[in-house]
Structure formats: structure tokens, C-alpha cells
PDB file of N, CA and C in Angstrom:
ATOM      1  N   MET A   1     -10.714 166.584 -33.498  1.00  0.00           N
ATOM      2  CA  MET A   1     -11.690 165.536 -33.705  1.00  0.00           C
ATOM      3  C   MET A   1     -12.162 164.944 -32.371  1.00  0.00           C
ATOM      4  N   THR A   2     -11.263 164.728 -31.433  1.00  0.00           N
ATOM      5  CA  THR A   2     -11.673 164.150 -30.151  1.00  0.00           C
ATOM      6  C   THR A   2     -12.524 165.132 -29.357  1.00  0.00           C
ATOM      7  N   ARG A   3     -12.263 166.410 -29.517  1.00  0.00           N
ATOM      8  CA  ARG A   3     -13.079 167.422 -28.830  1.00  0.00           C
ATOM      9  C   ARG A   3     -14.516 167.371 -29.320  1.00  0.00           C
ATOM     10  N   TRP A   4     -14.670 167.155 -30.618  1.00  0.00           N
ATOM     11  CA  TRP A   4     -15.993 167.056 -31.219  1.00  0.00           C
ATOM     12  C   TRP A   4     -16.735 165.835 -30.680  1.00  0.00           C
ATOM     13  N   ILE A   5     -16.044 164.722 -30.533  1.00  0.00           N
ATOM     14  CA  ILE A   5     -16.651 163.506 -29.988  1.00  0.00           C
ATOM     15  C   ILE A   5     -17.016 163.712 -28.525  1.00  0.00           C
ATOM     16  N   GLN A   6     -16.181 164.427 -27.788  1.00  0.00           N
ATOM     17  CA  GLN A   6     -16.487 164.713 -26.386  1.00  0.00           C
ATOM     18  C   GLN A   6     -17.729 165.578 -26.260  1.00  0.00           C
ATOM     19  N   LYS A   7     -17.896 166.537 -27.168  1.00  0.00           N
ATOM     20  CA  LYS A   7     -19.090 167.384 -27.148  1.00  0.00           C
ATOM     21  C   LYS A   7     -20.347 166.558 -27.417  1.00  0.00           C
ATOM     22  N   ILE A   8     -20.264 165.649 -28.363  1.00  0.00           N
ATOM     23  CA  ILE A   8     -21.412 164.790 -28.681  1.00  0.00           C
ATOM     24  C   ILE A   8     -21.732 163.887 -27.499  1.00  0.00           C
ATOM     25  N   THR A   9     -20.708 163.312 -26.895  1.00  0.00           N
ATOM     26  CA  THR A   9     -20.905 162.449 -25.733  1.00  0.00           C
ATOM     27  C   THR A   9     -21.527 163.221 -24.575  1.00  0.00           C
ATOM     28  N   PHE A  10     -21.043 164.413 -24.341  1.00  0.00           N
ATOM     29  CA  PHE A  10     -21.579 165.252 -23.261  1.00  0.00           C
ATOM     30  C   PHE A  10     -23.036 165.600 -23.531  1.00  0.00           C
ATOM     31  N   PHE A  11     -23.358 165.901 -24.786  1.00  0.00           N
ATOM     32  CA  PHE A  11     -24.734 166.230 -25.145  1.00  0.00           C
ATOM     33  C   PHE A  11     -25.667 165.067 -24.820  1.00  0.00           C
ATOM     34  N   PHE A  12     -25.290 163.851 -25.220  1.00  0.00           N
ATOM     35  CA  PHE A  12     -26.152 162.700 -24.974  1.00  0.00           C
ATOM     36  C   PHE A  12     -26.211 162.330 -23.499  1.00  0.00           C
ATOM     37  N   GLU A  13     -25.127 162.548 -22.768  1.00  0.00           N
ATOM     38  CA  GLU A  13     -25.164 162.277 -21.338  1.00  0.00           C
ATOM     39  C   GLU A  13     -26.081 163.254 -20.613  1.00  0.00           C
ATOM     40  N   MET A  14     -26.089 164.500 -21.040  1.00  0.00           N
ATOM     41  CA  MET A  14     -26.953 165.486 -20.407  1.00  0.00           C
ATOM     42  C   MET A  14     -28.415 165.289 -20.803  1.00  0.00           C
ATOM     43  N   ARG A  15     -28.661 164.782 -21.987  1.00  0.00           N
ATOM     44  CA  ARG A  15     -30.031 164.585 -22.469  1.00  0.00           C
ATOM     45  C   ARG A  15     -30.578 163.195 -22.169  1.00  0.00           C
ATOM     46  N   SER A  16     -29.783 162.348 -21.566  1.00  0.00           N
ATOM     47  CA  SER A  16     -30.280 161.000 -21.272  1.00  0.00           C
ATOM     48  C   SER A  16     -31.397 161.096 -20.253  1.00  0.00           C
ATOM     49  N   PHE A  17     -32.293 160.178 -20.323  1.00  0.00           N
ATOM     50  CA  PHE A  17     -33.496 160.249 -19.516  1.00  0.00           C
ATOM     51  C   PHE A  17     -33.374 159.567 -18.165  1.00  0.00           C
ATOM     52  N   GLY A  18     -32.378 158.735 -17.981  1.00  0.00           N
ATOM     53  CA  GLY A  18     -32.236 158.018 -16.724  1.00  0.00           C
ATOM     54  C   GLY A  18     -33.096 156.783 -16.632  1.00  0.00           C
ATOM     55  N   VAL A  19     -33.528 156.272 -17.770  1.00  0.00           N
ATOM     56  CA  VAL A  19     -34.384 155.089 -17.783  1.00  0.00           C
ATOM     57  C   VAL A  19     -33.629 153.882 -17.231  1.00  0.00           C
ATOM     58  N   CYS A  20     -32.399 153.702 -17.683  1.00  0.00           N
ATOM     59  CA  CYS A  20     -31.615 152.540 -17.233  1.00  0.00           C
ATOM     60  C   CYS A  20     -31.316 152.641 -15.742  1.00  0.00           C
ATOM     61  N   ASP A  21     -31.005 153.837 -15.275  1.00  0.00           N
ATOM     62  CA  ASP A  21     -30.754 154.006 -13.847  1.00  0.00           C
ATOM     63  C   ASP A  21     -32.011 153.730 -13.030  1.00  0.00           C
ATOM     64  N   TRP A  22     -33.140 154.185 -13.521  1.00  0.00           N
ATOM     65  CA  TRP A  22     -34.405 153.965 -12.817  1.00  0.00           C
ATOM     66  C   TRP A  22     -34.710 152.473 -12.726  1.00  0.00           C
ATOM     67  N   TRP A  23     -34.570 151.750 -13.866  1.00  0.00           N
ATOM     68  CA  TRP A  23     -34.812 150.309 -13.854  1.00  0.00           C
ATOM     69  C   TRP A  23     -33.823 149.588 -12.955  1.00  0.00           C
ATOM     70  N   ALA A  24     -32.564 150.019 -12.976  1.00  0.00           N
ATOM     71  CA  ALA A  24     -31.542 149.374 -12.143  1.00  0.00           C
ATOM     72  C   ALA A  24     -31.865 149.535 -10.661  1.00  0.00           C
ATOM     73  N   ARG A  25     -32.312 150.719 -10.269  1.00  0.00           N
ATOM     74  CA  ARG A  25     -32.702 150.935  -8.869  1.00  0.00           C
ATOM     75  C   ARG A  25     -33.898 150.073  -8.492  1.00  0.00           C
ATOM     76  N   LYS A  26     -34.887 149.983  -9.380  1.00  0.00           N
ATOM     77  CA  LYS A  26     -36.087 149.195  -9.104  1.00  0.00           C
ATOM     78  C   LYS A  26     -35.770 147.697  -9.010  1.00  0.00           C
ATOM     79  N   LEU A  27     -34.850 147.222  -9.857  1.00  0.00           N
ATOM     80  CA  LEU A  27     -34.531 145.802  -9.894  1.00  0.00           C
ATOM     81  C   LEU A  27     -33.382 145.426  -8.963  1.00  0.00           C
ATOM     82  N   GLY A  28     -32.647 146.421  -8.477  1.00  0.00           N
ATOM     83  CA  GLY A  28     -31.541 146.158  -7.567  1.00  0.00           C
ATOM     84  C   GLY A  28     -30.309 145.604  -8.250  1.00  0.00           C
ATOM     85  N   ILE A  29     -30.076 146.012  -9.506  1.00  0.00           N
ATOM     86  CA  ILE A  29     -28.897 145.557 -10.234  1.00  0.00           C
ATOM     87  C   ILE A  29     -28.121 146.766 -10.739  1.00  0.00           C
ATOM     88  N   LYS A  30     -26.969 146.513 -11.358  1.00  0.00           N
ATOM     89  CA  LYS A  30     -26.156 147.602 -11.894  1.00  0.00           C
ATOM     90  C   LYS A  30     -26.814 148.176 -13.142  1.00  0.00           C
ATOM     91  N   SER A  31     -26.656 149.480 -13.319  1.00  0.00           N
ATOM     92  CA  SER A  31     -27.255 150.115 -14.491  1.00  0.00           C
ATOM     93  C   SER A  31     -26.558 149.696 -15.779  1.00  0.00           C
ATOM     94  N   SER A  32     -25.295 149.288 -15.700  1.00  0.00           N
ATOM     95  CA  SER A  32     -24.599 148.833 -16.899  1.00  0.00           C
ATOM     96  C   SER A  32     -25.238 147.560 -17.457  1.00  0.00           C
ATOM     97  N   LYS A  33     -25.763 146.715 -16.587  1.00  0.00           N
ATOM     98  CA  LYS A  33     -26.451 145.496 -17.045  1.00  0.00           C
ATOM     99  C   LYS A  33     -27.734 145.849 -17.791  1.00  0.00           C
ATOM    100  N   VAL A  34     -28.444 146.857 -17.296  1.00  0.00           N
ATOM    101  CA  VAL A  34     -29.682 147.272 -17.964  1.00  0.00           C
ATOM    102  C   VAL A  34     -29.357 147.912 -19.311  1.00  0.00           C
ATOM    103  N   ARG A  35     -28.296 148.696 -19.369  1.00  0.00           N
ATOM    104  CA  ARG A  35     -27.887 149.306 -20.636  1.00  0.00           C
ATOM    105  C   ARG A  35     -27.517 148.232 -21.655  1.00  0.00           C
ATOM    106  N   LEU A  36     -26.768 147.229 -21.207  1.00  0.00           N
ATOM    107  CA  LEU A  36     -26.414 146.135 -22.110  1.00  0.00           C
ATOM    108  C   LEU A  36     -27.651 145.399 -22.604  1.00  0.00           C
ATOM    109  N   PHE A  37     -28.628 145.221 -21.731  1.00  0.00           N
ATOM    110  CA  PHE A  37     -29.869 144.589 -22.155  1.00  0.00           C
ATOM    111  C   PHE A  37     -30.530 145.382 -23.281  1.00  0.00           C
ATOM    112  N   PHE A  38     -30.616 146.713 -23.126  1.00  0.00           N
ATOM    113  CA  PHE A  38     -31.237 147.538 -24.165  1.00  0.00           C
ATOM    114  C   PHE A  38     -30.441 147.473 -25.465  1.00  0.00           C
ATOM    115  N   ILE A  39     -29.122 147.436 -25.366  1.00  0.00           N
ATOM    116  CA  ILE A  39     -28.298 147.371 -26.573  1.00  0.00           C
ATOM    117  C   ILE A  39     -28.508 146.041 -27.288  1.00  0.00           C
ATOM    118  N   TYR A  40     -28.406 144.935 -26.557  1.00  0.00           N
ATOM    119  CA  TYR A  40     -28.581 143.621 -27.177  1.00  0.00           C
ATOM    120  C   TYR A  40     -30.009 143.426 -27.680  1.00  0.00           C
ATOM    121  N   ALA A  41     -30.971 143.880 -26.922  1.00  0.00           N
ATOM    122  CA  ALA A  41     -32.366 143.749 -27.349  1.00  0.00           C
ATOM    123  C   ALA A  41     -32.631 144.563 -28.614  1.00  0.00           C
ATOM    124  N   SER A  42     -31.958 145.696 -28.765  1.00  0.00           N
ATOM    125  CA  SER A  42     -32.131 146.506 -29.971  1.00  0.00           C
ATOM    126  C   SER A  42     -31.603 145.793 -31.201  1.00  0.00           C
ATOM    127  N   PHE A  43     -30.497 145.063 -31.046  1.00  0.00           N
ATOM    128  CA  PHE A  43     -29.971 144.301 -32.178  1.00  0.00           C
ATOM    129  C   PHE A  43     -30.872 143.123 -32.515  1.00  0.00           C
ATOM    130  N   VAL A  44     -31.355 142.432 -31.507  1.00  0.00           N
ATOM    131  CA  VAL A  44     -32.183 141.247 -31.736  1.00  0.00           C
ATOM    132  C   VAL A  44     -33.554 141.632 -32.274  1.00  0.00           C
ATOM    133  N   ALA A  45     -34.160 142.669 -31.712  1.00  0.00           N
ATOM    134  CA  ALA A  45     -35.529 143.045 -32.075  1.00  0.00           C
ATOM    135  C   ALA A  45     -35.566 144.156 -33.128  1.00  0.00           C
ATOM    136  N   LEU A  46     -34.453 144.404 -33.763  1.00  0.00           N
ATOM    137  CA  LEU A  46     -34.356 145.383 -34.860  1.00  0.00           C
ATOM    138  C   LEU A  46     -34.783 146.796 -34.457  1.00  0.00           C
ATOM    139  N   GLY A  47     -34.402 147.221 -33.283  1.00  0.00           N
ATOM    140  CA  GLY A  47     -34.595 148.609 -32.881  1.00  0.00           C
ATOM    141  C   GLY A  47     -35.860 148.939 -32.137  1.00  0.00           C
ATOM    142  N   SER A  48     -36.772 147.994 -31.989  1.00  0.00           N
ATOM    143  CA  SER A  48     -38.016 148.315 -31.291  1.00  0.00           C
ATOM    144  C   SER A  48     -37.800 148.668 -29.811  1.00  0.00           C
ATOM    145  N   PRO A  49     -36.802 148.115 -29.099  1.00  0.00           N
ATOM    146  CA  PRO A  49     -36.577 148.567 -27.716  1.00  0.00           C
ATOM    147  C   PRO A  49     -36.195 150.043 -27.608  1.00  0.00           C
ATOM    148  N   ILE A  50     -35.675 150.608 -28.681  1.00  0.00           N
ATOM    149  CA  ILE A  50     -35.359 152.039 -28.662  1.00  0.00           C
ATOM    150  C   ILE A  50     -36.639 152.844 -28.533  1.00  0.00           C
ATOM    151  N   ILE A  51     -37.688 152.411 -29.204  1.00  0.00           N
ATOM    152  CA  ILE A  51     -38.980 153.099 -29.096  1.00  0.00           C
ATOM    153  C   ILE A  51     -39.518 152.978 -27.682  1.00  0.00           C
ATOM    154  N   ILE A  52     -39.383 151.795 -27.095  1.00  0.00           N
ATOM    155  CA  ILE A  52     -39.823 151.588 -25.710  1.00  0.00           C
ATOM    156  C   ILE A  52     -39.011 152.457 -24.764  1.00  0.00           C
ATOM    157  N   TYR A  53     -37.690 152.534 -24.992  1.00  0.00           N
ATOM    158  CA  TYR A  53     -36.814 153.355 -24.168  1.00  0.00           C
ATOM    159  C   TYR A  53     -37.224 154.830 -24.239  1.00  0.00           C
ATOM    160  N   LEU A  54     -37.491 155.317 -25.432  1.00  0.00           N
ATOM    161  CA  LEU A  54     -37.894 156.716 -25.590  1.00  0.00           C
ATOM    162  C   LEU A  54     -39.249 156.984 -24.931  1.00  0.00           C
ATOM    163  N   ALA A  55     -40.165 156.037 -25.030  1.00  0.00           N
ATOM    164  CA  ALA A  55     -41.466 156.201 -24.378  1.00  0.00           C
ATOM    165  C   ALA A  55     -41.299 156.241 -22.856  1.00  0.00           C
ATOM    166  N   MET A  56     -40.473 155.340 -22.316  1.00  0.00           N
ATOM    167  CA  MET A  56     -40.235 155.352 -20.871  1.00  0.00           C
ATOM    168  C   MET A  56     -39.517 156.629 -20.445  1.00  0.00           C
ATOM    169  N   GLY A  57     -38.614 157.102 -21.284  1.00  0.00           N
ATOM    170  CA  GLY A  57     -37.932 158.360 -20.992  1.00  0.00           C
ATOM    171  C   GLY A  57     -38.903 159.529 -20.951  1.00  0.00           C
ATOM    172  N   TRP A  58     -39.858 159.543 -21.888  1.00  0.00           N
ATOM    173  CA  TRP A  58     -40.841 160.616 -21.899  1.00  0.00           C
ATOM    174  C   TRP A  58     -41.708 160.555 -20.639  1.00  0.00           C
ATOM    175  N   ILE A  59     -42.095 159.346 -20.251  1.00  0.00           N
ATOM    176  CA  ILE A  59     -42.914 159.194 -19.046  1.00  0.00           C
ATOM    177  C   ILE A  59     -42.145 159.639 -17.809  1.00  0.00           C
ATOM    178  N   LEU A  60     -40.858 159.270 -17.713  1.00  0.00           N
ATOM    179  CA  LEU A  60     -40.058 159.676 -16.557  1.00  0.00           C
ATOM    180  C   LEU A  60     -39.844 161.186 -16.508  1.00  0.00           C
ATOM    181  N   GLU A  61     -39.702 161.802 -17.682  1.00  0.00           N
ATOM    182  CA  GLU A  61     -39.531 163.253 -17.718  1.00  0.00           C
ATOM    183  C   GLU A  61     -40.814 163.983 -17.327  1.00  0.00           C
ATOM    184  N   ASN A  62     -41.963 163.399 -17.620  1.00  0.00           N
ATOM    185  CA  ASN A  62     -43.260 164.036 -17.374  1.00  0.00           C
ATOM    186  C   ASN A  62     -44.060 163.303 -16.315  1.00  0.00           C
ATOM    187  N   LYS A  63     -43.391 162.669 -15.378  1.00  0.00           N
ATOM    188  CA  LYS A  63     -44.101 161.868 -14.383  1.00  0.00           C
ATOM    189  C   LYS A  63     -44.958 162.698 -13.445  1.00  0.00           C
ATOM    190  N   HIS A  64     -44.709 163.992 -13.371  1.00  0.00           N
ATOM    191  CA  HIS A  64     -45.550 164.822 -12.515  1.00  0.00           C
ATOM    192  C   HIS A  64     -46.980 164.917 -13.062  1.00  0.00           C
ATOM    193  N   PHE A  65     -47.165 164.649 -14.352  1.00  0.00           N
ATOM    194  CA  PHE A  65     -48.512 164.630 -14.918  1.00  0.00           C
ATOM    195  C   PHE A  65     -49.251 163.343 -14.569  1.00  0.00           C
ATOM    196  N   PHE A  66     -48.501 162.295 -14.229  1.00  0.00           N
ATOM    197  CA  PHE A  66     -49.089 160.990 -13.974  1.00  0.00           C
ATOM    198  C   PHE A  66     -49.241 160.681 -12.495  1.00  0.00           C
ATOM    199  N   LYS A  67     -48.941 161.620 -11.640  1.00  0.00           N
ATOM    200  CA  LYS A  67     -49.056 161.383 -10.198  1.00  0.00           C
ATOM    201  C   LYS A  67     -50.533 161.293  -9.839  1.00  0.00           C
ATOM    202  N   PHE A  68     -50.843 160.254  -9.128  1.00  0.00           N
ATOM    203  CA  PHE A  68     -52.204 160.094  -8.649  1.00  0.00           C
ATOM    204  C   PHE A  68     -52.247 160.516  -7.194  1.00  0.00           C
ATOM    205  N   GLN A  69     -53.358 161.082  -6.794  1.00  0.00           N
ATOM    206  CA  GLN A  69     -53.493 161.492  -5.407  1.00  0.00           C
ATOM    207  C   GLN A  69     -53.636 160.264  -4.536  1.00  0.00           C
ATOM    208  N   LYS A  70     -52.907 160.284  -3.459  1.00  0.00           N
ATOM    209  CA  LYS A  70     -53.023 159.182  -2.527  1.00  0.00           C
ATOM    210  C   LYS A  70     -54.300 159.371  -1.714  1.00  0.00           C
ATOM    211  N   ARG A  71     -54.978 158.294  -1.525  1.00  0.00           N
ATOM    212  CA  ARG A  71     -56.210 158.358  -0.773  1.00  0.00           C
ATOM    213  C   ARG A  71     -55.881 158.481   0.705  1.00  0.00           C
ATOM    214  N   ARG A  72     -56.514 159.387   1.361  1.00  0.00           N
ATOM    215  CA  ARG A  72     -56.301 159.566   2.785  1.00  0.00           C
ATOM    216  C   ARG A  72     -56.964 158.452   3.563  1.00  0.00           C
ATOM    217  N   LYS A  73     -56.316 158.055   4.615  1.00  0.00           N
ATOM    218  CA  LYS A  73     -56.916 157.035   5.467  1.00  0.00           C
ATOM    219  C   LYS A  73     -57.965 157.687   6.350  1.00  0.00           C
ATOM    220  N   THR A  74     -59.023 156.976   6.517  1.00  0.00           N
ATOM    221  CA  THR A  74     -60.071 157.477   7.417  1.00  0.00           C
ATOM    222  C   THR A  74     -59.735 157.071   8.841  1.00  0.00           C
ATOM    223  N   ILE A  75     -60.495 157.554   9.756  1.00  0.00           N
ATOM    224  CA  ILE A  75     -60.276 157.247  11.153  1.00  0.00           C
ATOM    225  C   ILE A  75     -60.449 155.752  11.422  1.00  0.00           C
ATOM    226  N   TRP A  76     -61.260 155.084  10.603  1.00  0.00           N
ATOM    227  CA  TRP A  76     -61.532 153.670  10.815  1.00  0.00           C
ATOM    228  C   TRP A  76     -60.398 152.788  10.292  1.00  0.00           C
ATOM    229  N   GLU A  77     -59.558 153.326   9.402  1.00  0.00           N
ATOM    230  CA  GLU A  77     -58.442 152.545   8.834  1.00  0.00           C
ATOM    231  C   GLU A  77     -57.168 152.698   9.634  1.00  0.00           C
ATOM    232  N   LEU A  78     -57.134 153.588  10.584  1.00  0.00           N
ATOM    233  CA  LEU A  78     -55.920 153.792  11.378  1.00  0.00           C
ATOM    234  C   LEU A  78     -55.699 152.709  12.316  1.00  0.00           C
TER     235      LEU A  78
END
């Protein structure tokens, strides 16, 4: 039974999107605090933060589609 739980845990750890880690790096806090926020917010808001989490995960996984070209500086802006 514990082996089965370990397999499930490993599956979700490998498939996690890194949303909490990304937010933690951007905000300069521990990722465990961001995870707790998502957990508590899911209970309070009846699961709607899960939809936001999945949307952010999809964006982070496909961020190469959202890259904008940086504008080159002209000689006058140097």
C-alpha cells in the first residue's frame, strides 16, 4: 500500500508545473508559504484557485509561445 502511495506522489511531483516555485522566486518568499496559500484559498473560495493554478501552470509550460521580441535599441538610445 505504501508503495502505491509513493508512486502516486512521485507522479504528481513529476507532473507539477512549478507555479508555486515560480511565485516564490518572484516574491522572494518560501515556496511552502505559497503552497499553503493555494491550499487555504482553495478551501475558502471553494476550489476556484485550483483553476487559476492550472491556468498558470499551462502558461508556464507553454511560455515559449508567449515570448515577445525585445525591441532593439537604436543608436540614439545608447
